[in-house]
Amino acid sequence: VVAVDMPIGLPASAPRAADRQARAMLGPRRSTLFPTPVLAVLDASGYTDACRRSELACGRRISIQAYNLVPMVRQLRQAVPLGAANRFVEVHPETSFVALAGRPLAPKRSSRGVAERVAALGPALDLDPGVDLADLVASRPRGVAPDDALDALAAAWSARRFATGVARVLGADDGCDPTGYPLRIVV
């Protein structure tokens, strides 16, 4: 199972239940989850067109942050065939960290946030004895920020949980979008 920190299933009109459930889990950190764009914006010619399409579909304009995800969402949906929907799952690492720690954590780029993520994630990983997660994060490849390395590990944790049938699936009752992609976030 491959975890992807990007929306895969896009709603036709109403906000996804997965997003509402994730925001409830995130509490004061709910702003870390951008609103998922509606399906109609995938073919937009630009931000103005995307806002118009979004407003027609759901009554709200698309945020610039969500719009900036659209080209990557389009690429992702082209790369993930419908038949592989259970091999590629959408995750939101910050929500995975809430599940790991049992509470929202400090901002991920702060030293406290990094320490909290290491403490929450370390016991959940199958590290060899004597391997320290903080040391692994400190020795990450050049150009990879500590929070990005930790987000990748949290995404892998969620993917493993999905593969073994123990993941919490937010939006599980929503089924699929009109094109057949699941409207869910795996934690």
N, C-alpha and C. Protein backbone atom coordinates (compact mmCIF):
# COMPACT_ATOMS: atom_id res chain seq x y z
N VAL A 1 0.85 -1.18 0.00
CA VAL A 1 0.00 0.00 0.00
C VAL A 1 0.89 1.23 0.00
N VAL A 2 0.56 2.18 -0.87
CA VAL A 2 1.30 3.43 -0.96
C VAL A 2 0.43 4.54 -0.39
N ALA A 3 0.96 5.26 0.58
CA ALA A 3 0.24 6.39 1.18
C ALA A 3 0.59 7.66 0.43
N VAL A 4 -0.44 8.45 0.15
CA VAL A 4 -0.27 9.70 -0.59
C VAL A 4 -0.89 10.83 0.22
N ASP A 5 -0.09 11.85 0.48
CA ASP A 5 -0.56 13.02 1.22
C ASP A 5 -1.13 14.03 0.22
N MET A 6 -2.23 13.63 -0.39
CA MET A 6 -2.86 14.44 -1.43
C MET A 6 -4.26 13.88 -1.64
N PRO A 7 -5.26 14.75 -1.84
CA PRO A 7 -6.61 14.22 -2.11
C PRO A 7 -6.62 13.36 -3.37
N ILE A 8 -7.33 12.24 -3.30
CA ILE A 8 -7.48 11.36 -4.46
C ILE A 8 -8.95 11.41 -4.91
N GLY A 9 -9.86 11.11 -3.99
CA GLY A 9 -11.29 11.18 -4.29
C GLY A 9 -11.79 12.60 -4.07
N LEU A 10 -12.44 13.17 -5.09
CA LEU A 10 -12.91 14.56 -5.02
C LEU A 10 -14.42 14.60 -5.01
N PRO A 11 -15.01 15.37 -4.09
CA PRO A 11 -16.47 15.43 -4.02
C PRO A 11 -17.07 16.16 -5.22
N ALA A 12 -18.30 15.83 -5.53
CA ALA A 12 -19.01 16.51 -6.62
C ALA A 12 -19.49 17.87 -6.15
N SER A 13 -19.94 17.95 -4.88
CA SER A 13 -20.50 19.22 -4.41
C SER A 13 -20.22 19.47 -2.93
N ALA A 14 -20.70 18.62 -2.07
CA ALA A 14 -20.58 18.85 -0.63
C ALA A 14 -19.17 18.52 -0.13
N PRO A 15 -18.74 19.13 0.97
CA PRO A 15 -17.45 18.75 1.55
C PRO A 15 -17.44 17.26 1.92
N ARG A 16 -16.28 16.65 1.87
CA ARG A 16 -16.14 15.22 2.18
C ARG A 16 -16.30 14.99 3.69
N ALA A 17 -16.95 13.90 4.04
CA ALA A 17 -17.05 13.50 5.44
C ALA A 17 -15.66 13.25 6.00
N ALA A 18 -14.75 12.72 5.18
CA ALA A 18 -13.38 12.45 5.63
C ALA A 18 -12.71 13.73 6.11
N ASP A 19 -12.92 14.82 5.40
CA ASP A 19 -12.33 16.10 5.80
C ASP A 19 -12.94 16.60 7.11
N ARG A 20 -14.26 16.50 7.23
CA ARG A 20 -14.92 16.93 8.48
C ARG A 20 -14.41 16.11 9.67
N GLN A 21 -14.30 14.80 9.48
CA GLN A 21 -13.84 13.92 10.56
C GLN A 21 -12.38 14.20 10.91
N ALA A 22 -11.55 14.43 9.91
CA ALA A 22 -10.14 14.73 10.18
C ALA A 22 -10.02 16.06 10.92
N ARG A 23 -10.78 17.07 10.51
CA ARG A 23 -10.71 18.37 11.20
C ARG A 23 -11.16 18.24 12.65
N ALA A 24 -12.15 17.41 12.90
CA ALA A 24 -12.59 17.19 14.28
C ALA A 24 -11.46 16.56 15.10
N MET A 25 -10.75 15.61 14.52
CA MET A 25 -9.61 14.99 15.21
C MET A 25 -8.49 16.00 15.45
N LEU A 26 -8.26 16.87 14.47
CA LEU A 26 -7.15 17.82 14.53
C LEU A 26 -7.39 18.95 15.52
N GLY A 27 -8.66 19.23 15.83
CA GLY A 27 -8.97 20.29 16.79
C GLY A 27 -8.30 21.61 16.42
N PRO A 28 -7.46 22.14 17.32
CA PRO A 28 -6.85 23.44 17.04
C PRO A 28 -5.88 23.43 15.86
N ARG A 29 -5.52 22.27 15.36
CA ARG A 29 -4.61 22.16 14.21
C ARG A 29 -5.37 21.87 12.91
N ARG A 30 -6.70 22.07 12.92
CA ARG A 30 -7.54 21.74 11.76
C ARG A 30 -7.17 22.52 10.50
N SER A 31 -6.54 23.68 10.65
CA SER A 31 -6.17 24.47 9.47
C SER A 31 -5.06 23.80 8.65
N THR A 32 -4.45 22.74 9.19
CA THR A 32 -3.41 22.02 8.43
C THR A 32 -4.00 21.17 7.31
N LEU A 33 -5.31 21.02 7.30
CA LEU A 33 -5.98 20.25 6.25
C LEU A 33 -6.72 21.21 5.34
N PHE A 34 -6.19 21.43 4.14
CA PHE A 34 -6.84 22.33 3.18
C PHE A 34 -8.14 21.71 2.71
N PRO A 35 -9.15 22.53 2.42
CA PRO A 35 -10.40 21.98 1.88
C PRO A 35 -10.13 21.24 0.57
N THR A 36 -10.70 20.07 0.43
CA THR A 36 -10.53 19.29 -0.80
C THR A 36 -11.32 19.96 -1.92
N PRO A 37 -10.67 20.22 -3.05
CA PRO A 37 -11.41 20.84 -4.15
C PRO A 37 -12.47 19.90 -4.71
N VAL A 38 -13.51 20.50 -5.29
CA VAL A 38 -14.55 19.69 -5.93
C VAL A 38 -14.04 19.21 -7.28
N LEU A 39 -14.61 18.13 -7.75
CA LEU A 39 -14.20 17.49 -8.99
C LEU A 39 -14.23 18.45 -10.18
N ALA A 40 -15.17 19.36 -10.19
CA ALA A 40 -15.34 20.27 -11.33
C ALA A 40 -14.13 21.16 -11.58
N VAL A 41 -13.26 21.37 -10.60
CA VAL A 41 -12.12 22.29 -10.79
C VAL A 41 -10.95 21.62 -11.49
N LEU A 42 -10.95 20.31 -11.64
CA LEU A 42 -9.81 19.62 -12.25
C LEU A 42 -9.50 20.11 -13.66
N ASP A 43 -10.52 20.51 -14.40
CA ASP A 43 -10.32 20.96 -15.77
C ASP A 43 -10.31 22.48 -15.90
N ALA A 44 -10.21 23.19 -14.79
CA ALA A 44 -10.24 24.65 -14.83
C ALA A 44 -9.02 25.20 -15.57
N SER A 45 -9.22 26.30 -16.26
CA SER A 45 -8.15 26.91 -17.04
C SER A 45 -7.28 27.84 -16.20
N GLY A 46 -7.70 28.15 -15.00
CA GLY A 46 -6.95 29.02 -14.10
C GLY A 46 -7.71 29.22 -12.81
N TYR A 47 -7.16 30.04 -11.92
CA TYR A 47 -7.77 30.22 -10.60
C TYR A 47 -9.17 30.82 -10.70
N THR A 48 -9.36 31.82 -11.55
CA THR A 48 -10.67 32.45 -11.69
C THR A 48 -11.70 31.44 -12.17
N ASP A 49 -11.33 30.64 -13.15
CA ASP A 49 -12.23 29.60 -13.66
C ASP A 49 -12.50 28.56 -12.58
N ALA A 50 -11.49 28.19 -11.81
CA ALA A 50 -11.68 27.21 -10.73
C ALA A 50 -12.64 27.75 -9.68
N CYS A 51 -12.51 29.04 -9.35
CA CYS A 51 -13.43 29.65 -8.38
C CYS A 51 -14.86 29.60 -8.89
N ARG A 52 -15.03 29.93 -10.17
CA ARG A 52 -16.37 29.91 -10.78
C ARG A 52 -16.94 28.49 -10.76
N ARG A 53 -16.14 27.52 -11.16
CA ARG A 53 -16.59 26.12 -11.18
C ARG A 53 -16.93 25.62 -9.78
N SER A 54 -16.09 25.98 -8.82
CA SER A 54 -16.32 25.55 -7.44
C SER A 54 -17.61 26.18 -6.89
N GLU A 55 -17.79 27.46 -7.17
CA GLU A 55 -18.99 28.14 -6.70
C GLU A 55 -20.25 27.53 -7.30
N LEU A 56 -20.20 27.17 -8.57
CA LEU A 56 -21.35 26.52 -9.21
C LEU A 56 -21.62 25.14 -8.61
N ALA A 57 -20.56 24.40 -8.30
CA ALA A 57 -20.71 23.03 -7.81
C ALA A 57 -21.11 22.97 -6.34
N CYS A 58 -20.53 23.86 -5.52
CA CYS A 58 -20.75 23.71 -4.07
C CYS A 58 -21.11 25.00 -3.35
N GLY A 59 -21.18 26.11 -4.08
CA GLY A 59 -21.56 27.36 -3.45
C GLY A 59 -20.41 28.11 -2.79
N ARG A 60 -19.17 27.60 -2.94
CA ARG A 60 -18.00 28.25 -2.33
C ARG A 60 -16.89 28.36 -3.36
N ARG A 61 -16.15 29.44 -3.27
CA ARG A 61 -14.95 29.58 -4.11
C ARG A 61 -13.87 28.66 -3.54
N ILE A 62 -12.93 28.28 -4.37
CA ILE A 62 -11.82 27.45 -3.94
C ILE A 62 -10.72 28.37 -3.38
N SER A 63 -10.08 27.95 -2.31
CA SER A 63 -8.98 28.74 -1.75
C SER A 63 -7.77 28.64 -2.67
N ILE A 64 -6.90 29.60 -2.59
CA ILE A 64 -5.70 29.57 -3.43
C ILE A 64 -4.82 28.37 -3.04
N GLN A 65 -4.80 28.01 -1.74
CA GLN A 65 -4.02 26.86 -1.30
C GLN A 65 -4.55 25.57 -1.93
N ALA A 66 -5.87 25.41 -1.92
CA ALA A 66 -6.47 24.22 -2.52
C ALA A 66 -6.26 24.24 -4.04
N TYR A 67 -6.38 25.41 -4.65
CA TYR A 67 -6.17 25.49 -6.09
C TYR A 67 -4.75 25.10 -6.46
N ASN A 68 -3.78 25.47 -5.65
CA ASN A 68 -2.38 25.13 -5.94
C ASN A 68 -2.14 23.62 -5.91
N LEU A 69 -3.03 22.86 -5.28
CA LEU A 69 -2.93 21.40 -5.26
C LEU A 69 -3.49 20.76 -6.54
N VAL A 70 -4.33 21.49 -7.26
CA VAL A 70 -5.07 20.90 -8.39
C VAL A 70 -4.16 20.25 -9.43
N PRO A 71 -3.08 20.89 -9.90
CA PRO A 71 -2.24 20.20 -10.90
C PRO A 71 -1.66 18.89 -10.37
N MET A 72 -1.29 18.85 -9.09
CA MET A 72 -0.74 17.61 -8.51
C MET A 72 -1.83 16.57 -8.34
N VAL A 73 -3.04 16.99 -7.97
CA VAL A 73 -4.16 16.06 -7.85
C VAL A 73 -4.46 15.46 -9.22
N ARG A 74 -4.44 16.30 -10.25
CA ARG A 74 -4.69 15.82 -11.61
C ARG A 74 -3.65 14.76 -11.99
N GLN A 75 -2.37 15.04 -11.74
CA GLN A 75 -1.31 14.08 -12.04
C GLN A 75 -1.49 12.79 -11.25
N LEU A 76 -1.81 12.92 -9.98
CA LEU A 76 -2.00 11.75 -9.13
C LEU A 76 -3.13 10.87 -9.65
N ARG A 77 -4.24 11.48 -9.99
CA ARG A 77 -5.38 10.71 -10.49
C ARG A 77 -5.07 10.04 -11.83
N GLN A 78 -4.22 10.64 -12.62
CA GLN A 78 -3.80 10.01 -13.88
C GLN A 78 -2.87 8.83 -13.61
N ALA A 79 -2.10 8.91 -12.54
CA ALA A 79 -1.12 7.85 -12.23
C ALA A 79 -1.73 6.69 -11.45
N VAL A 80 -2.83 6.93 -10.74
CA VAL A 80 -3.45 5.88 -9.92
C VAL A 80 -4.68 5.34 -10.65
N PRO A 81 -4.56 4.15 -11.23
CA PRO A 81 -5.72 3.58 -11.93
C PRO A 81 -6.83 3.23 -10.93
N LEU A 82 -8.06 3.31 -11.39
CA LEU A 82 -9.20 3.02 -10.51
C LEU A 82 -9.08 1.65 -9.86
N GLY A 83 -8.60 0.67 -10.56
CA GLY A 83 -8.48 -0.66 -10.00
C GLY A 83 -7.44 -0.77 -8.89
N ALA A 84 -6.64 0.27 -8.72
CA ALA A 84 -5.59 0.26 -7.70
C ALA A 84 -5.95 1.11 -6.49
N ALA A 85 -7.23 1.41 -6.33
CA ALA A 85 -7.66 2.30 -5.26
C ALA A 85 -7.30 1.79 -3.87
N ASN A 86 -7.14 0.49 -3.70
CA ASN A 86 -6.75 -0.03 -2.39
C ASN A 86 -5.24 -0.20 -2.26
N ARG A 87 -4.50 0.07 -3.32
CA ARG A 87 -3.04 0.06 -3.24
C ARG A 87 -2.49 1.46 -2.99
N PHE A 88 -3.25 2.49 -3.37
CA PHE A 88 -2.88 3.88 -3.16
C PHE A 88 -3.94 4.52 -2.29
N VAL A 89 -3.56 4.96 -1.09
CA VAL A 89 -4.53 5.53 -0.17
C VAL A 89 -4.14 6.94 0.22
N GLU A 90 -5.15 7.76 0.36
CA GLU A 90 -4.93 9.13 0.82
C GLU A 90 -4.72 9.14 2.32
N VAL A 91 -3.70 9.87 2.74
CA VAL A 91 -3.43 10.06 4.17
C VAL A 91 -3.24 11.55 4.43
N HIS A 92 -3.33 11.92 5.68
CA HIS A 92 -3.00 13.27 6.12
C HIS A 92 -2.10 13.08 7.34
N PRO A 93 -0.78 13.25 7.17
CA PRO A 93 0.15 12.93 8.25
C PRO A 93 -0.17 13.58 9.59
N GLU A 94 -0.65 14.81 9.58
CA GLU A 94 -0.96 15.47 10.85
C GLU A 94 -2.07 14.72 11.58
N THR A 95 -3.03 14.19 10.83
CA THR A 95 -4.11 13.40 11.43
C THR A 95 -3.54 12.06 11.94
N SER A 96 -2.60 11.49 11.21
CA SER A 96 -1.95 10.26 11.68
C SER A 96 -1.23 10.51 13.00
N PHE A 97 -0.57 11.66 13.12
CA PHE A 97 0.12 11.98 14.37
C PHE A 97 -0.86 12.16 15.52
N VAL A 98 -2.03 12.72 15.26
CA VAL A 98 -3.05 12.82 16.31
C VAL A 98 -3.45 11.43 16.78
N ALA A 99 -3.61 10.50 15.83
CA ALA A 99 -3.96 9.13 16.18
C ALA A 99 -2.83 8.48 16.99
N LEU A 100 -1.60 8.73 16.60
CA LEU A 100 -0.45 8.15 17.31
C LEU A 100 -0.32 8.70 18.72
N ALA A 101 -0.47 10.02 18.87
CA ALA A 101 -0.23 10.68 20.16
C ALA A 101 -1.48 10.77 21.02
N GLY A 102 -2.65 10.62 20.39
CA GLY A 102 -3.88 10.75 21.15
C GLY A 102 -4.29 12.20 21.39
N ARG A 103 -3.61 13.14 20.71
CA ARG A 103 -3.91 14.57 20.88
C ARG A 103 -3.22 15.34 19.76
N PRO A 104 -3.71 16.56 19.49
CA PRO A 104 -3.00 17.40 18.53
C PRO A 104 -1.61 17.78 19.08
N LEU A 105 -0.65 17.89 18.18
CA LEU A 105 0.73 18.19 18.58
C LEU A 105 1.09 19.64 18.24
N ALA A 106 2.20 20.08 18.79
CA ALA A 106 2.70 21.42 18.51
C ALA A 106 3.01 21.53 17.01
N PRO A 107 3.10 22.73 16.47
CA PRO A 107 3.41 22.88 15.05
C PRO A 107 4.63 22.07 14.64
N LYS A 108 4.53 21.42 13.48
CA LYS A 108 5.53 20.43 13.08
C LYS A 108 6.90 21.00 12.78
N ARG A 109 7.02 22.27 12.54
CA ARG A 109 8.33 22.85 12.24
C ARG A 109 9.02 23.40 13.49
N SER A 110 8.33 23.36 14.62
CA SER A 110 8.95 23.81 15.86
C SER A 110 9.76 22.68 16.48
N SER A 111 10.75 23.00 17.29
CA SER A 111 11.55 21.95 17.92
C SER A 111 10.67 21.08 18.82
N ARG A 112 9.73 21.71 19.50
CA ARG A 112 8.80 20.93 20.34
C ARG A 112 7.95 20.00 19.48
N GLY A 113 7.46 20.50 18.33
CA GLY A 113 6.65 19.68 17.43
C GLY A 113 7.42 18.49 16.89
N VAL A 114 8.68 18.70 16.52
CA VAL A 114 9.52 17.60 16.03
C VAL A 114 9.69 16.57 17.14
N ALA A 115 10.01 17.04 18.36
CA ALA A 115 10.23 16.12 19.49
C ALA A 115 8.96 15.33 19.80
N GLU A 116 7.81 15.98 19.75
CA GLU A 116 6.55 15.28 20.02
C GLU A 116 6.27 14.23 18.96
N ARG A 117 6.57 14.53 17.71
CA ARG A 117 6.34 13.57 16.63
C ARG A 117 7.28 12.38 16.74
N VAL A 118 8.53 12.63 17.09
CA VAL A 118 9.49 11.54 17.29
C VAL A 118 9.02 10.65 18.43
N ALA A 119 8.58 11.25 19.53
CA ALA A 119 8.12 10.48 20.70
C ALA A 119 6.87 9.66 20.37
N ALA A 120 5.96 10.22 19.56
CA ALA A 120 4.73 9.51 19.22
C ALA A 120 4.98 8.40 18.20
N LEU A 121 5.85 8.66 17.26
CA LEU A 121 6.07 7.73 16.15
C LEU A 121 7.05 6.61 16.49
N GLY A 122 8.07 6.92 17.27
CA GLY A 122 9.12 5.93 17.57
C GLY A 122 8.60 4.58 17.99
N PRO A 123 7.73 4.51 19.00
CA PRO A 123 7.24 3.20 19.45
C PRO A 123 6.39 2.46 18.41
N ALA A 124 5.83 3.18 17.44
CA ALA A 124 4.96 2.55 16.45
C ALA A 124 5.73 1.94 15.28
N LEU A 125 7.01 2.27 15.18
CA LEU A 125 7.82 1.76 14.07
C LEU A 125 8.58 0.51 14.50
N ASP A 126 8.84 -0.35 13.56
CA ASP A 126 9.61 -1.56 13.83
C ASP A 126 11.10 -1.29 13.58
N LEU A 127 11.67 -0.49 14.44
CA LEU A 127 13.09 -0.15 14.30
C LEU A 127 13.94 -1.23 14.94
N ASP A 128 15.11 -1.45 14.38
CA ASP A 128 16.05 -2.39 14.97
C ASP A 128 16.44 -1.89 16.35
N PRO A 129 16.71 -2.82 17.28
CA PRO A 129 17.15 -2.40 18.62
C PRO A 129 18.40 -1.52 18.49
N GLY A 130 18.42 -0.48 19.27
CA GLY A 130 19.56 0.42 19.25
C GLY A 130 19.44 1.55 18.23
N VAL A 131 18.43 1.49 17.35
CA VAL A 131 18.23 2.56 16.38
C VAL A 131 17.31 3.60 17.00
N ASP A 132 17.75 4.82 17.00
CA ASP A 132 16.99 5.91 17.59
C ASP A 132 16.35 6.74 16.47
N LEU A 133 15.05 6.94 16.54
CA LEU A 133 14.34 7.68 15.51
C LEU A 133 14.85 9.11 15.40
N ALA A 134 15.15 9.73 16.52
CA ALA A 134 15.67 11.10 16.47
C ALA A 134 16.98 11.15 15.69
N ASP A 135 17.83 10.13 15.86
CA ASP A 135 19.09 10.07 15.09
C ASP A 135 18.82 9.88 13.60
N LEU A 136 17.82 9.05 13.28
CA LEU A 136 17.46 8.85 11.87
C LEU A 136 16.99 10.15 11.23
N VAL A 137 16.15 10.88 11.96
CA VAL A 137 15.64 12.15 11.43
C VAL A 137 16.79 13.14 11.27
N ALA A 138 17.71 13.16 12.23
CA ALA A 138 18.85 14.07 12.15
C ALA A 138 19.77 13.73 10.98
N SER A 139 19.82 12.47 10.58
CA SER A 139 20.71 12.06 9.48
C SER A 139 19.97 11.90 8.16
N ARG A 140 18.83 12.55 8.01
CA ARG A 140 18.03 12.47 6.79
C ARG A 140 18.82 13.01 5.60
N PRO A 141 18.42 12.67 4.39
CA PRO A 141 19.12 13.17 3.20
C PRO A 141 19.09 14.70 3.11
N ARG A 142 20.10 15.25 2.49
CA ARG A 142 20.18 16.70 2.28
C ARG A 142 18.94 17.17 1.51
N GLY A 143 18.39 18.29 1.92
CA GLY A 143 17.22 18.86 1.24
C GLY A 143 15.90 18.37 1.80
N VAL A 144 15.92 17.41 2.70
CA VAL A 144 14.68 16.90 3.31
C VAL A 144 14.56 17.51 4.70
N ALA A 145 13.50 18.27 4.91
CA ALA A 145 13.26 18.90 6.20
C ALA A 145 12.85 17.84 7.23
N PRO A 146 13.15 18.06 8.51
CA PRO A 146 12.77 17.08 9.54
C PRO A 146 11.27 16.77 9.52
N ASP A 147 10.43 17.81 9.35
CA ASP A 147 8.99 17.56 9.36
C ASP A 147 8.56 16.74 8.15
N ASP A 148 9.22 16.91 7.03
CA ASP A 148 8.88 16.10 5.85
C ASP A 148 9.27 14.63 6.06
N ALA A 149 10.41 14.40 6.67
CA ALA A 149 10.83 13.02 6.97
C ALA A 149 9.84 12.37 7.93
N LEU A 150 9.43 13.10 8.95
CA LEU A 150 8.48 12.55 9.92
C LEU A 150 7.11 12.34 9.29
N ASP A 151 6.68 13.27 8.43
CA ASP A 151 5.40 13.09 7.74
C ASP A 151 5.42 11.83 6.88
N ALA A 152 6.54 11.57 6.20
CA ALA A 152 6.65 10.37 5.36
C ALA A 152 6.54 9.11 6.22
N LEU A 153 7.15 9.13 7.39
CA LEU A 153 7.06 7.96 8.29
C LEU A 153 5.65 7.79 8.82
N ALA A 154 4.98 8.88 9.14
CA ALA A 154 3.58 8.79 9.61
C ALA A 154 2.68 8.26 8.50
N ALA A 155 2.93 8.69 7.27
CA ALA A 155 2.15 8.19 6.13
C ALA A 155 2.38 6.69 5.95
N ALA A 156 3.63 6.26 6.08
CA ALA A 156 3.95 4.83 5.97
C ALA A 156 3.26 4.04 7.08
N TRP A 157 3.22 4.60 8.28
CA TRP A 157 2.53 3.96 9.41
C TRP A 157 1.05 3.75 9.07
N SER A 158 0.41 4.79 8.52
CA SER A 158 -1.01 4.68 8.14
C SER A 158 -1.20 3.66 7.02
N ALA A 159 -0.28 3.64 6.04
CA ALA A 159 -0.39 2.67 4.95
C ALA A 159 -0.28 1.24 5.48
N ARG A 160 0.65 1.02 6.40
CA ARG A 160 0.80 -0.32 6.98
C ARG A 160 -0.47 -0.71 7.73
N ARG A 161 -1.06 0.23 8.45
CA ARG A 161 -2.30 -0.06 9.18
C ARG A 161 -3.42 -0.42 8.20
N PHE A 162 -3.48 0.27 7.07
CA PHE A 162 -4.51 -0.04 6.07
C PHE A 162 -4.27 -1.43 5.51
N ALA A 163 -3.02 -1.75 5.19
CA ALA A 163 -2.67 -3.04 4.60
C ALA A 163 -3.00 -4.20 5.54
N THR A 164 -2.89 -3.94 6.83
CA THR A 164 -3.16 -5.01 7.81
C THR A 164 -4.58 -4.98 8.35
N GLY A 165 -5.40 -4.07 7.85
CA GLY A 165 -6.81 -4.03 8.22
C GLY A 165 -7.11 -3.39 9.56
N VAL A 166 -6.20 -2.60 10.11
CA VAL A 166 -6.45 -1.98 11.41
C VAL A 166 -6.56 -0.46 11.34
N ALA A 167 -6.48 0.11 10.15
CA ALA A 167 -6.53 1.57 10.00
C ALA A 167 -7.93 2.08 10.31
N ARG A 168 -7.98 3.31 10.76
CA ARG A 168 -9.25 4.03 10.85
C ARG A 168 -9.43 4.69 9.49
N VAL A 169 -10.58 4.50 8.89
CA VAL A 169 -10.85 5.07 7.57
C VAL A 169 -11.89 6.17 7.74
N LEU A 170 -11.44 7.41 7.63
CA LEU A 170 -12.34 8.56 7.74
C LEU A 170 -13.11 8.70 6.44
N GLY A 171 -14.42 8.92 6.55
CA GLY A 171 -15.26 9.04 5.36
C GLY A 171 -15.61 7.71 4.74
N ALA A 172 -15.44 6.63 5.48
CA ALA A 172 -15.66 5.29 4.94
C ALA A 172 -17.07 5.11 4.36
N ASP A 173 -18.05 5.81 4.93
CA ASP A 173 -19.43 5.65 4.47
C ASP A 173 -19.74 6.46 3.21
N ASP A 174 -18.82 7.31 2.78
CA ASP A 174 -19.06 8.16 1.62
C ASP A 174 -18.88 7.45 0.29
N GLY A 175 -18.24 6.30 0.30
CA GLY A 175 -18.05 5.57 -0.95
C GLY A 175 -17.04 6.25 -1.85
N CYS A 176 -17.42 6.43 -3.11
CA CYS A 176 -16.50 6.96 -4.13
C CYS A 176 -17.05 8.23 -4.76
N ASP A 177 -16.14 8.98 -5.38
CA ASP A 177 -16.56 10.16 -6.12
C ASP A 177 -17.19 9.71 -7.44
N PRO A 178 -17.75 10.63 -8.22
CA PRO A 178 -18.42 10.24 -9.47
C PRO A 178 -17.52 9.52 -10.48
N THR A 179 -16.20 9.64 -10.33
CA THR A 179 -15.30 8.95 -11.25
C THR A 179 -14.81 7.62 -10.69
N GLY A 180 -15.18 7.30 -9.45
CA GLY A 180 -14.84 6.01 -8.87
C GLY A 180 -13.73 5.98 -7.85
N TYR A 181 -13.12 7.13 -7.52
CA TYR A 181 -12.05 7.16 -6.52
C TYR A 181 -12.65 7.31 -5.12
N PRO A 182 -12.13 6.57 -4.14
CA PRO A 182 -12.66 6.62 -2.77
C PRO A 182 -12.54 8.01 -2.14
N LEU A 183 -13.59 8.40 -1.43
CA LEU A 183 -13.64 9.68 -0.72
C LEU A 183 -13.23 9.45 0.74
N ARG A 184 -11.98 9.13 0.98
CA ARG A 184 -11.55 8.73 2.32
C ARG A 184 -10.16 9.26 2.64
N ILE A 185 -9.89 9.27 3.92
CA ILE A 185 -8.54 9.52 4.45
C ILE A 185 -8.23 8.36 5.38
N VAL A 186 -7.09 7.73 5.18
CA VAL A 186 -6.69 6.58 5.98
C VAL A 186 -5.78 7.06 7.12
N VAL A 187 -6.08 6.60 8.32
CA VAL A 187 -5.29 6.97 9.51
C VAL A 187 -4.78 5.69 10.15
